[in-house]
Amino acid sequence: MMSNFDLIVIGGGPGGYVAAIKGAQLGLNTAIIEKDRFGGTCLNRGCIPTKAMLHAADLYREILEGGRFGIHAEKVTVNYGEVLDYKQETIDKLVSGVEQLLKANGVTMLKGTGTLLADRQVKVTFAEPAEDGATESYYDAEHIILAGGSYPAKLPVEGMELQGVLTSDGLFALKEIPESLTIIGGGVIGVEFAEVFSALGCKVTILEALPKLLANLDKEISQNLKMILKKRGVDIHTGASLAKIEKDPAGGLICHYTEKDKDQSISSQYVLCAVGRKPNAAGLFLDPEEFADIAENSAALTTKHLEAAAQTAHALGITMERGFIETDIYGQTGAPGIYAIGDIVKGIQLAHVASAQGITAAEKIAGHTPNVDLAIVPSCIYTSPEIASVGITEEDAKASATPVKVGKYITSANGKSLISKEERGFVKIIAHADTGEILGAQMMCARATDMIGEMATAIANKLTPSQLLKGMRAHPTYNEAVGEALEELEGGAIHMAPKKKK
């Protein structure tokens, strides 16, 4: 096996493997290093398994509610073991597909832990000894892309180390549906798991420290989602600050928290800490032989590890801040030829962002002009109804004193939504009041995550409602709601009563 490459990618997640494939397609002799399974957190422990379980849970709920459509089913049960099998089958197919794509594009795959050394050299500590018995090897590259990913964060709160306090990784490992679950955090991870397990019969409670769920999104989305989840039996406490967790003498765990200046507590079988993820950049600079305690477990990183990694990175010309690697808009670090992408750099931690950054870095390395606008990031939440957002909200516009006009359509008048008896939802589009340029969109409706891409394209290309309305939309479709919101911006939606004149 050759030891010199045009490009070496460390990390096989959605940023790393996409960068490797793109680099190979652009003519770079490319290698990729991954210590676990290709696909990273997204395919193995994040996006894909969560959405598979959401699909199963929503299907179960729909069957139980089939009487709304004249469909009556009896003795409907959940076999959780089979749900997990379905989840794993989906994961395995996608992981296998990634491996086949890497092979088909001529990417050299190295299974092991990659450690960045000086002079653009990478040490690989193999996951299993090579055919000649070697446990490590050294490789050189003109360019290196660091794509170390992230791991679940835990709050610095007493009791977080107790058995039964889980991260998303631990929750996926459970073989039975919990009887009760307290979720710390009302962000994307928290609300998606709340929907899964409440639909499967688990008593779910959400404790969110901020005043609303999904704090970064449009307030109307947060309000509607809270109402819908409560209707489905989820107990929600916003403005609730977790104080500590302790064992319940009767079994399970007790979460002590403060809400409206009052001390409260709740007991549950398990506690899920869903407060985001931390960058796994440190592992790229720490030799696994020297720091064996984190070789198999990124969550074991301590302040000692982070300081040691920052010092090593600095010696290589790379700047780290609070565990993140600093880069320019193309992913270039302070060290010539070294790039960083995905969750290890500052910004939004999403799989599609990592993939776009990977493509951008590979194009830059190959001498091409990167095409993707990394500043326009669609955010998707796979609850029912789905939630999607891109660009600015009304609140953002008000805060920045940007003059805007808003086109909003309530989907209860949409034919497809009526057919499928969707929960009350809406499509809202924000345009500049003077130029008409579309600046943002928020959706809470069926297929929102599929439809938001049109709005991202519109924002990236500075399109106006009249330009988007040139293309007709088929009937009956959920996408007609987008057309109605655009029509509202242009003077009035067809299938909505006109606003009363003041």
Protein backbone atom coordinates (compact mmCIF):
# COMPACT_ATOMS: atom_id res chain seq x y z
CA MET A 1 0.00 0.00 0.00
CA MET A 2 1.31 3.44 -0.93
CA SER A 3 2.12 5.89 1.84
CA ASN A 4 1.88 9.17 -0.10
CA PHE A 5 -1.43 10.75 -1.09
CA ASP A 6 -2.71 13.99 -2.55
CA LEU A 7 -5.42 14.04 0.13
CA ILE A 8 -5.95 12.23 3.42
CA VAL A 9 -9.26 12.61 5.23
CA ILE A 10 -9.37 11.75 8.94
CA GLY A 11 -12.91 10.76 9.85
CA GLY A 12 -15.52 8.88 7.81
CA GLY A 13 -18.69 10.71 8.82
CA PRO A 14 -20.97 12.69 6.47
CA GLY A 15 -18.32 15.38 6.13
CA GLY A 16 -15.32 13.10 5.77
CA TYR A 17 -16.60 10.47 3.39
CA VAL A 18 -18.23 13.08 1.13
CA ALA A 19 -14.97 15.06 1.04
CA ALA A 20 -13.02 11.92 0.17
CA ILE A 21 -15.37 10.97 -2.66
CA LYS A 22 -15.41 14.50 -4.05
CA GLY A 23 -11.63 14.71 -3.87
CA ALA A 24 -11.26 11.43 -5.73
CA GLN A 25 -13.77 12.57 -8.38
CA LEU A 26 -11.67 15.70 -8.91
CA GLY A 27 -8.57 13.62 -9.60
CA LEU A 28 -6.91 13.57 -6.17
CA ASN A 29 -5.26 10.37 -4.97
CA THR A 30 -7.27 10.08 -1.76
CA ALA A 31 -7.26 8.04 1.45
CA ILE A 32 -9.75 8.10 4.32
CA ILE A 33 -9.19 6.98 7.91
CA GLU A 34 -12.04 5.79 10.14
CA LYS A 35 -11.71 3.90 13.42
CA ASP A 36 -15.34 2.79 13.62
CA ARG A 37 -18.01 2.36 10.93
CA PHE A 38 -18.17 4.65 7.92
CA GLY A 39 -21.03 7.12 8.04
CA GLY A 40 -20.06 8.49 11.44
CA THR A 41 -22.55 9.55 14.07
CA CYS A 42 -25.16 10.54 11.49
CA LEU A 43 -25.59 7.11 9.94
CA ASN A 44 -24.81 4.98 12.98
CA ARG A 45 -25.98 6.81 16.11
CA GLY A 46 -27.74 10.00 15.02
CA CYS A 47 -29.81 11.19 12.07
CA ILE A 48 -30.64 7.88 10.44
CA PRO A 49 -31.51 5.72 13.49
CA THR A 50 -33.51 8.57 15.03
CA LYS A 51 -35.54 9.07 11.86
CA ALA A 52 -36.07 5.32 11.48
CA MET A 53 -37.47 5.15 15.00
CA LEU A 54 -39.60 8.24 14.39
CA HIS A 55 -41.04 6.56 11.31
CA ALA A 56 -41.89 3.41 13.26
CA ALA A 57 -43.37 5.38 16.18
CA ASP A 58 -45.44 7.63 13.92
CA LEU A 59 -46.69 4.62 11.96
CA TYR A 60 -47.82 2.98 15.23
CA ARG A 61 -49.62 6.18 16.29
CA GLU A 62 -51.29 6.48 12.88
CA ILE A 63 -52.53 2.89 13.04
CA LEU A 64 -54.02 3.49 16.48
CA GLU A 65 -55.71 6.63 15.13
CA GLY A 66 -56.87 4.91 11.91
CA GLY A 67 -60.50 5.22 12.92
CA ARG A 68 -60.37 8.80 11.65
CA PHE A 69 -60.18 7.32 8.15
CA GLY A 70 -62.57 4.44 8.72
CA ILE A 71 -59.71 1.99 9.29
CA HIS A 72 -60.08 0.02 12.53
CA ALA A 73 -57.30 -2.26 13.79
CA GLU A 74 -57.43 -4.45 16.87
CA LYS A 75 -54.73 -5.80 19.15
CA VAL A 76 -52.02 -3.62 17.61
CA THR A 77 -48.77 -4.10 19.51
CA VAL A 78 -45.16 -2.92 19.35
CA ASN A 79 -42.35 -5.45 19.22
CA TYR A 80 -39.48 -3.19 20.22
CA GLY A 81 -36.87 -5.78 19.32
CA GLU A 82 -38.18 -5.81 15.76
CA VAL A 83 -38.21 -2.00 15.70
CA LEU A 84 -34.53 -2.06 16.65
CA ASP A 85 -33.85 -4.69 13.97
CA TYR A 86 -35.52 -2.47 11.36
CA LYS A 87 -33.43 0.49 12.56
CA GLN A 88 -30.22 -1.51 12.34
CA GLU A 89 -31.07 -2.93 8.93
CA THR A 90 -31.50 0.63 7.64
CA ILE A 91 -28.17 1.68 9.15
CA ASP A 92 -26.31 -1.33 7.74
CA LYS A 93 -27.61 -0.74 4.21
CA LEU A 94 -26.49 2.87 4.25
CA VAL A 95 -23.08 2.11 5.77
CA SER A 96 -22.53 -0.61 3.17
CA GLY A 97 -23.53 1.88 0.48
CA VAL A 98 -20.97 4.42 1.69
CA GLU A 99 -18.21 1.79 1.66
CA GLN A 100 -19.15 0.75 -1.88
CA LEU A 101 -19.09 4.37 -3.05
CA LEU A 102 -15.64 4.91 -1.54
CA LYS A 103 -14.35 1.79 -3.28
CA ALA A 104 -16.01 2.68 -6.59
CA ASN A 105 -14.31 6.08 -6.53
CA GLY A 106 -10.89 4.60 -5.81
CA VAL A 107 -10.55 5.95 -2.26
CA THR A 108 -8.10 4.01 -0.07
CA MET A 109 -9.88 3.06 3.18
CA LEU A 110 -7.80 2.74 6.34
CA LYS A 111 -9.48 1.37 9.46
CA GLY A 112 -7.95 2.88 12.56
CA THR A 113 -7.30 6.06 14.51
CA GLY A 114 -5.63 8.92 12.66
CA THR A 115 -3.30 11.29 14.51
CA LEU A 116 -2.02 14.44 12.82
CA LEU A 117 1.77 14.94 13.01
CA ALA A 118 4.10 17.65 11.71
CA ASP A 119 4.86 18.17 8.01
CA ARG A 120 1.44 16.91 6.89
CA GLN A 121 2.08 13.40 8.14
CA VAL A 122 -0.57 11.16 9.68
CA LYS A 123 -0.01 8.25 12.01
CA VAL A 124 -2.63 5.51 11.75
CA THR A 125 -3.09 3.16 14.69
CA PHE A 126 -4.91 0.25 13.11
CA ALA A 127 -8.14 -1.06 14.61
CA GLU A 128 -6.80 -4.55 13.90
CA PRO A 129 -3.22 -5.64 13.07
CA ALA A 130 -2.36 -5.58 9.39
CA GLU A 131 -1.52 -8.75 7.44
CA ASP A 132 2.15 -8.27 8.26
CA GLY A 133 1.32 -7.86 11.96
CA ALA A 134 1.86 -4.09 12.01
CA THR A 135 -0.30 -2.13 14.44
CA GLU A 136 0.50 1.29 13.05
CA SER A 137 1.78 3.04 9.94
CA TYR A 138 2.67 6.53 8.72
CA TYR A 139 1.28 8.34 5.68
CA ASP A 140 2.12 11.63 3.99
CA ALA A 141 -0.21 13.92 2.06
CA GLU A 142 -0.13 17.23 0.24
CA HIS A 143 -3.45 18.06 1.88
CA ILE A 144 -5.28 16.76 4.94
CA ILE A 145 -8.93 17.26 5.91
CA LEU A 146 -9.77 16.81 9.60
CA ALA A 147 -13.30 15.53 10.13
CA GLY A 148 -13.32 14.18 13.68
CA GLY A 149 -17.03 14.74 14.35
CA SER A 150 -18.52 15.14 17.82
CA TYR A 151 -19.88 13.28 20.83
CA PRO A 152 -22.88 13.84 23.13
CA ALA A 153 -22.44 16.55 25.74
CA LYS A 154 -23.35 16.21 29.41
CA LEU A 155 -24.21 19.00 31.81
CA PRO A 156 -21.82 19.68 34.71
CA VAL A 157 -24.55 18.73 37.18
CA GLU A 158 -24.35 16.45 40.21
CA GLY A 159 -25.61 12.96 39.40
CA MET A 160 -24.82 12.93 35.68
CA GLU A 161 -22.54 9.94 36.26
CA LEU A 162 -25.34 7.79 37.74
CA GLN A 163 -26.42 4.59 36.04
CA GLY A 164 -29.56 5.28 34.05
CA VAL A 165 -28.50 8.79 33.01
CA LEU A 166 -28.08 8.37 29.27
CA THR A 167 -26.90 10.23 26.21
CA SER A 168 -28.48 9.52 22.83
CA ASP A 169 -25.92 6.73 22.36
CA GLY A 170 -27.06 5.02 25.55
CA LEU A 171 -30.74 5.45 24.72
CA PHE A 172 -30.24 3.68 21.39
CA ALA A 173 -28.60 0.79 23.27
CA LEU A 174 -31.70 0.06 25.38
CA LYS A 175 -33.42 -3.21 24.47
CA GLU A 176 -36.79 -2.32 25.96
CA ILE A 177 -39.06 0.73 25.87
CA PRO A 178 -38.59 2.72 29.10
CA GLU A 179 -41.60 3.00 31.35
CA SER A 180 -40.76 6.65 31.96
CA LEU A 181 -38.12 9.04 30.65
CA THR A 182 -37.08 12.55 31.67
CA ILE A 183 -35.40 14.44 28.84
CA ILE A 184 -33.03 17.25 29.78
CA GLY A 185 -33.14 19.67 26.87
CA GLY A 186 -35.93 20.82 24.57
CA GLY A 187 -33.86 21.19 21.43
CA VAL A 188 -33.97 19.06 18.29
CA ILE A 189 -32.66 15.88 19.92
CA GLY A 190 -34.98 16.25 22.90
CA VAL A 191 -38.23 16.83 21.01
CA GLU A 192 -37.56 14.07 18.46
CA PHE A 193 -36.92 11.48 21.17
CA ALA A 194 -39.96 12.78 23.08
CA GLU A 195 -42.12 12.03 20.06
CA VAL A 196 -40.62 8.56 19.57
CA PHE A 197 -41.00 7.27 23.10
CA SER A 198 -44.29 8.97 23.97
CA ALA A 199 -45.83 7.37 20.87
CA LEU A 200 -44.54 3.97 22.04
CA GLY A 201 -46.24 4.31 25.41
CA CYS A 202 -43.46 5.77 27.55
CA LYS A 203 -44.28 8.57 30.01
CA VAL A 204 -42.06 11.42 28.81
CA THR A 205 -41.15 14.67 30.56
CA ILE A 206 -39.07 17.47 29.01
CA LEU A 207 -37.10 19.90 31.17
CA GLU A 208 -35.84 22.89 29.15
CA ALA A 209 -33.88 25.71 30.80
CA LEU A 210 -34.80 28.33 28.18
CA PRO A 211 -38.25 29.93 27.95
CA LYS A 212 -39.35 27.86 24.95
CA LEU A 213 -38.71 24.65 23.06
CA LEU A 214 -36.50 24.92 19.96
CA ALA A 215 -35.25 28.26 21.21
CA ASN A 216 -33.53 29.28 17.97
CA LEU A 217 -36.60 28.86 15.78
CA ASP A 218 -39.64 30.98 15.04
CA LYS A 219 -41.69 31.45 18.23
CA GLU A 220 -44.87 30.27 16.51
CA ILE A 221 -43.20 26.94 15.75
CA SER A 222 -42.19 26.56 19.38
CA GLN A 223 -45.67 27.37 20.63
CA ASN A 224 -47.40 25.00 18.22
CA LEU A 225 -45.02 22.14 18.91
CA LYS A 226 -45.44 22.52 22.68
CA MET A 227 -49.21 22.36 22.26
CA ILE A 228 -49.04 19.27 20.02
CA LEU A 229 -46.61 17.37 22.26
CA LYS A 230 -48.72 18.13 25.33
CA LYS A 231 -51.78 16.85 23.47
CA ARG A 232 -49.87 13.60 22.93
CA GLY A 233 -49.14 13.25 26.63
CA VAL A 234 -45.66 14.78 26.95
CA ASP A 235 -45.18 16.77 30.16
CA ILE A 236 -43.21 19.93 29.28
CA HIS A 237 -41.49 22.35 31.64
CA THR A 238 -39.76 25.37 30.07
CA GLY A 239 -37.69 27.79 32.12
CA ALA A 240 -36.75 24.76 34.22
CA SER A 241 -33.16 24.69 35.48
CA LEU A 242 -31.78 21.28 36.46
CA ALA A 243 -30.12 21.31 39.90
CA LYS A 244 -29.10 17.69 40.42
CA ILE A 245 -29.99 14.06 39.77
CA GLU A 246 -30.10 11.41 42.46
CA LYS A 247 -31.18 7.80 42.86
CA ASP A 248 -34.81 7.21 43.75
CA PRO A 249 -35.09 4.81 46.74
CA ALA A 250 -38.15 3.35 45.00
CA GLY A 251 -36.14 2.75 41.83
CA GLY A 252 -35.11 4.94 38.94
CA LEU A 253 -33.83 8.50 39.21
CA ILE A 254 -35.06 11.82 40.57
CA CYS A 255 -34.37 15.07 38.74
CA HIS A 256 -34.42 18.14 40.97
CA TYR A 257 -35.04 21.38 39.14
CA THR A 258 -36.14 24.97 39.66
CA GLU A 259 -39.13 26.36 37.80
CA LYS A 260 -40.62 29.81 38.44
CA ASP A 261 -38.37 30.16 41.48
CA LYS A 262 -39.81 27.00 43.02
CA ASP A 263 -37.92 23.79 43.72
CA GLN A 264 -39.50 20.85 41.89
CA SER A 265 -38.65 17.19 41.30
CA ILE A 266 -39.71 14.36 39.06
CA SER A 267 -38.91 10.65 39.12
CA SER A 268 -38.41 8.45 36.06
CA GLN A 269 -36.81 5.15 35.08
CA TYR A 270 -34.23 6.86 32.87
CA VAL A 271 -32.89 10.35 32.24
CA LEU A 272 -31.74 11.45 28.79
CA CYS A 273 -29.23 14.30 28.62
CA ALA A 274 -30.02 15.94 25.27
CA VAL A 275 -28.13 19.23 25.51
CA GLY A 276 -26.12 19.13 22.30
CA ARG A 277 -22.77 17.76 21.22
CA LYS A 278 -19.11 18.58 21.78
CA PRO A 279 -16.37 18.68 19.12
CA ASN A 280 -14.07 15.68 18.93
CA ALA A 281 -11.13 17.68 17.58
CA ALA A 282 -8.83 16.81 20.48
CA GLY A 283 -8.64 13.17 19.44
CA LEU A 284 -7.01 14.19 16.16
CA PHE A 285 -3.92 15.50 17.96
CA LEU A 286 -3.58 13.02 20.84
CA ASP A 287 -1.68 9.80 20.25
CA PRO A 288 -3.99 6.91 21.25
CA GLU A 289 -1.01 5.07 22.78
CA GLU A 290 -0.37 8.02 25.09
CA PHE A 291 -4.03 8.72 25.83
CA ALA A 292 -5.50 5.22 25.86
CA ASP A 293 -8.41 6.38 28.03
CA ILE A 294 -10.02 8.21 25.10
CA ALA A 295 -9.03 5.86 22.28
CA GLU A 296 -12.37 4.03 22.51
CA ASN A 297 -14.49 6.71 24.16
CA SER A 298 -14.49 10.32 23.02
CA ALA A 299 -16.71 11.29 25.93
CA ALA A 300 -13.80 10.55 28.27
CA LEU A 301 -12.11 13.77 27.14
CA THR A 302 -11.10 15.97 30.06
CA THR A 303 -9.66 19.46 30.45
CA LYS A 304 -6.22 17.81 30.55
CA HIS A 305 -6.82 16.23 27.14
CA LEU A 306 -8.15 19.47 25.64
CA GLU A 307 -5.17 21.48 26.88
CA ALA A 308 -2.70 18.89 25.58
CA ALA A 309 -4.47 18.80 22.20
CA ALA A 310 -4.55 22.61 21.95
CA GLN A 311 -0.82 22.79 22.64
CA THR A 312 -0.05 20.17 19.99
CA ALA A 313 -2.35 21.87 17.49
CA HIS A 314 -0.73 25.24 18.16
CA ALA A 315 2.70 23.75 17.50
CA LEU A 316 1.37 22.61 14.10
CA GLY A 317 0.03 26.09 13.33
CA ILE A 318 -3.59 25.27 14.11
CA THR A 319 -5.66 27.39 16.49
CA MET A 320 -8.23 25.80 18.78
CA GLU A 321 -10.79 27.58 20.96
CA ARG A 322 -12.95 25.73 23.47
CA GLY A 323 -12.26 22.49 21.64
CA PHE A 324 -13.14 23.82 18.18
CA ILE A 325 -10.66 24.28 15.32
CA GLU A 326 -10.60 27.73 13.72
CA THR A 327 -10.76 27.90 9.91
CA ASP A 328 -11.50 30.29 7.08
CA ILE A 329 -14.62 30.04 4.89
CA TYR A 330 -13.09 27.20 2.89
CA GLY A 331 -12.11 25.13 5.93
CA GLN A 332 -8.41 26.07 5.76
CA THR A 333 -6.72 26.12 9.15
CA GLY A 334 -3.67 28.17 10.06
CA ALA A 335 -1.44 25.31 8.90
CA PRO A 336 -0.80 25.17 5.13
CA GLY A 337 -2.57 22.25 3.50
CA ILE A 338 -4.60 21.35 6.62
CA TYR A 339 -8.39 21.77 6.52
CA ALA A 340 -11.11 21.08 9.09
CA ILE A 341 -14.83 20.50 8.53
CA GLY A 342 -18.01 19.45 10.32
CA ASP A 343 -18.70 19.40 14.03
CA ILE A 344 -15.10 20.18 14.98
CA VAL A 345 -15.34 23.73 13.62
CA LYS A 346 -17.45 26.56 14.98
CA GLY A 347 -20.94 26.80 13.56
CA ILE A 348 -24.08 24.73 13.18
CA GLN A 349 -23.53 21.03 13.86
CA LEU A 350 -25.57 19.34 11.15
CA ALA A 351 -24.74 16.47 8.81
CA HIS A 352 -25.60 18.39 5.65
CA VAL A 353 -23.42 21.29 6.78
CA ALA A 354 -20.49 18.89 7.23
CA SER A 355 -21.10 17.42 3.78
CA ALA A 356 -21.24 20.86 2.16
CA GLN A 357 -18.05 21.88 3.96
CA GLY A 358 -16.39 18.66 2.79
CA ILE A 359 -17.28 19.36 -0.82
CA THR A 360 -16.09 22.97 -0.47
CA ALA A 361 -12.73 21.92 0.99
CA ALA A 362 -12.17 19.23 -1.66
CA GLU A 363 -13.02 21.67 -4.47
CA LYS A 364 -10.67 24.30 -3.03
CA ILE A 365 -7.85 21.75 -2.71
CA ALA A 366 -8.37 20.58 -6.29
CA GLY A 367 -8.19 24.15 -7.58
CA HIS A 368 -11.90 24.54 -8.32
CA THR A 369 -14.16 27.39 -7.24
CA PRO A 370 -16.45 26.12 -4.45
CA ASN A 371 -20.11 26.40 -5.36
CA VAL A 372 -22.15 25.91 -2.17
CA ASP A 373 -23.13 28.94 -0.09
CA LEU A 374 -22.22 27.76 3.41
CA ALA A 375 -24.02 30.69 5.04
CA ILE A 376 -27.48 29.43 4.04
CA VAL A 377 -28.28 26.43 6.22
CA PRO A 378 -31.68 24.72 6.31
CA SER A 379 -32.63 23.26 9.68
CA CYS A 380 -35.01 20.30 9.86
CA ILE A 381 -36.85 18.63 12.73
CA TYR A 382 -38.62 15.35 12.05
CA THR A 383 -41.52 15.59 14.45
CA SER A 384 -45.08 15.20 13.19
CA PRO A 385 -45.81 17.66 11.69
CA GLU A 386 -42.33 18.25 10.37
CA ILE A 387 -40.51 21.52 11.02
CA ALA A 388 -38.07 23.26 8.69
CA SER A 389 -36.45 26.68 8.62
CA VAL A 390 -33.89 28.56 6.56
CA GLY A 391 -32.71 32.15 6.55
CA ILE A 392 -34.08 34.78 8.89
CA THR A 393 -37.27 34.81 10.96
CA GLU A 394 -39.62 37.71 11.66
CA GLU A 395 -37.91 38.14 15.03
CA ASP A 396 -34.49 38.28 13.33
CA ALA A 397 -35.71 40.94 10.92
CA LYS A 398 -37.14 43.03 13.74
CA ALA A 399 -33.93 42.76 15.77
CA SER A 400 -31.81 43.90 12.81
CA ALA A 401 -34.28 46.59 11.70
CA THR A 402 -34.61 44.92 8.29
CA PRO A 403 -37.81 45.98 6.49
CA VAL A 404 -39.69 42.83 5.54
CA LYS A 405 -43.07 41.60 4.39
CA VAL A 406 -44.47 38.22 5.38
CA GLY A 407 -46.49 35.74 3.40
CA LYS A 408 -48.18 33.15 5.62
CA TYR A 409 -50.52 30.34 4.70
CA ILE A 410 -52.32 28.10 7.19
CA THR A 411 -52.25 24.54 5.85
CA SER A 412 -55.68 23.60 7.21
CA ALA A 413 -57.02 24.83 3.84
CA ASN A 414 -54.58 22.69 1.84
CA GLY A 415 -56.28 19.76 0.12
CA LYS A 416 -53.51 17.23 0.75
CA SER A 417 -53.32 18.25 4.42
CA LEU A 418 -57.08 17.78 4.78
CA ILE A 419 -56.89 14.36 3.13
CA SER A 420 -54.24 13.17 5.59
CA LYS A 421 -55.82 15.05 8.54
CA GLU A 422 -52.60 16.81 9.44
CA GLU A 423 -52.22 18.84 12.62
CA ARG A 424 -52.66 22.59 12.19
CA GLY A 425 -49.58 23.91 10.44
CA PHE A 426 -48.33 26.80 8.34
CA VAL A 427 -45.84 28.00 5.76
CA LYS A 428 -44.30 31.42 6.34
CA ILE A 429 -42.01 33.20 3.87
CA ILE A 430 -40.05 36.37 4.68
CA ALA A 431 -39.12 38.80 1.88
CA HIS A 432 -37.38 42.16 1.87
CA ALA A 433 -40.01 44.88 1.83
CA ASP A 434 -38.17 46.98 -0.78
CA THR A 435 -36.42 44.54 -3.11
CA GLY A 436 -38.76 41.55 -2.75
CA GLU A 437 -35.76 39.27 -2.27
CA ILE A 438 -36.66 36.19 -0.21
CA LEU A 439 -34.74 36.24 3.07
CA GLY A 440 -36.18 33.36 5.06
CA ALA A 441 -38.82 30.67 5.39
CA GLN A 442 -40.33 28.68 8.24
CA MET A 443 -42.58 25.67 7.80
CA MET A 444 -44.49 23.46 10.20
CA CYS A 445 -46.40 20.98 8.08
CA ALA A 446 -46.18 17.61 6.37
CA ARG A 447 -43.14 17.25 4.11
CA ALA A 448 -41.65 20.50 5.40
CA THR A 449 -38.16 18.97 5.44
CA ASP A 450 -38.48 18.07 1.75
CA MET A 451 -39.89 21.46 0.71
CA ILE A 452 -37.40 23.71 2.52
CA GLY A 453 -34.75 23.07 -0.16
CA GLU A 454 -36.66 25.25 -2.63
CA MET A 455 -36.48 28.13 -0.18
CA ALA A 456 -32.74 27.61 0.41
CA THR A 457 -32.21 27.77 -3.35
CA ALA A 458 -34.31 30.93 -3.55
CA ILE A 459 -32.32 32.66 -0.81
CA ALA A 460 -28.96 31.57 -2.24
CA ASN A 461 -29.90 32.96 -5.65
CA LYS A 462 -31.64 36.10 -4.32
CA LEU A 463 -34.92 35.16 -5.98
CA THR A 464 -38.23 36.97 -5.50
CA PRO A 465 -41.74 35.53 -5.03
CA SER A 466 -42.72 36.46 -8.59
CA GLN A 467 -39.76 34.49 -9.95
CA LEU A 468 -40.69 31.40 -7.90
CA LEU A 469 -44.32 31.67 -8.96
CA LYS A 470 -43.36 31.27 -12.63
CA GLY A 471 -43.30 27.51 -12.06
CA MET A 472 -46.75 26.05 -11.35
CA ARG A 473 -47.27 23.58 -8.51
CA ALA A 474 -49.17 20.32 -8.94
CA HIS A 475 -52.51 19.68 -7.22
CA PRO A 476 -53.15 18.20 -4.74
CA THR A 477 -49.77 18.49 -3.04
CA TYR A 478 -48.42 19.81 0.24
CA ASN A 479 -46.15 22.02 -1.88
CA GLU A 480 -49.15 24.10 -2.93
CA ALA A 481 -48.89 25.72 0.52
CA VAL A 482 -45.56 27.24 -0.55
CA GLY A 483 -47.23 28.71 -3.63
CA GLU A 484 -50.02 30.17 -1.49
CA ALA A 485 -47.52 31.83 0.87
CA LEU A 486 -45.72 33.28 -2.16
CA GLU A 487 -49.04 34.53 -3.57
CA GLU A 488 -49.76 36.18 -0.23
CA LEU A 489 -46.48 38.08 -0.58
CA GLU A 490 -47.57 39.20 -4.06
CA GLY A 491 -50.93 40.53 -2.98
CA GLY A 492 -53.11 37.73 -1.70
CA ALA A 493 -53.30 33.95 -1.50
CA ILE A 494 -56.04 32.31 -3.58
CA HIS A 495 -57.24 29.81 -0.99
CA MET A 496 -57.31 32.14 1.99
CA ALA A 497 -59.69 34.91 2.95
CA PRO A 498 -58.20 38.34 2.25
CA LYS A 499 -56.94 40.33 5.18
CA LYS A 500 -59.28 42.99 6.48
CA LYS A 501 -58.22 46.46 5.48
CA LYS A 502 -57.36 48.70 8.39
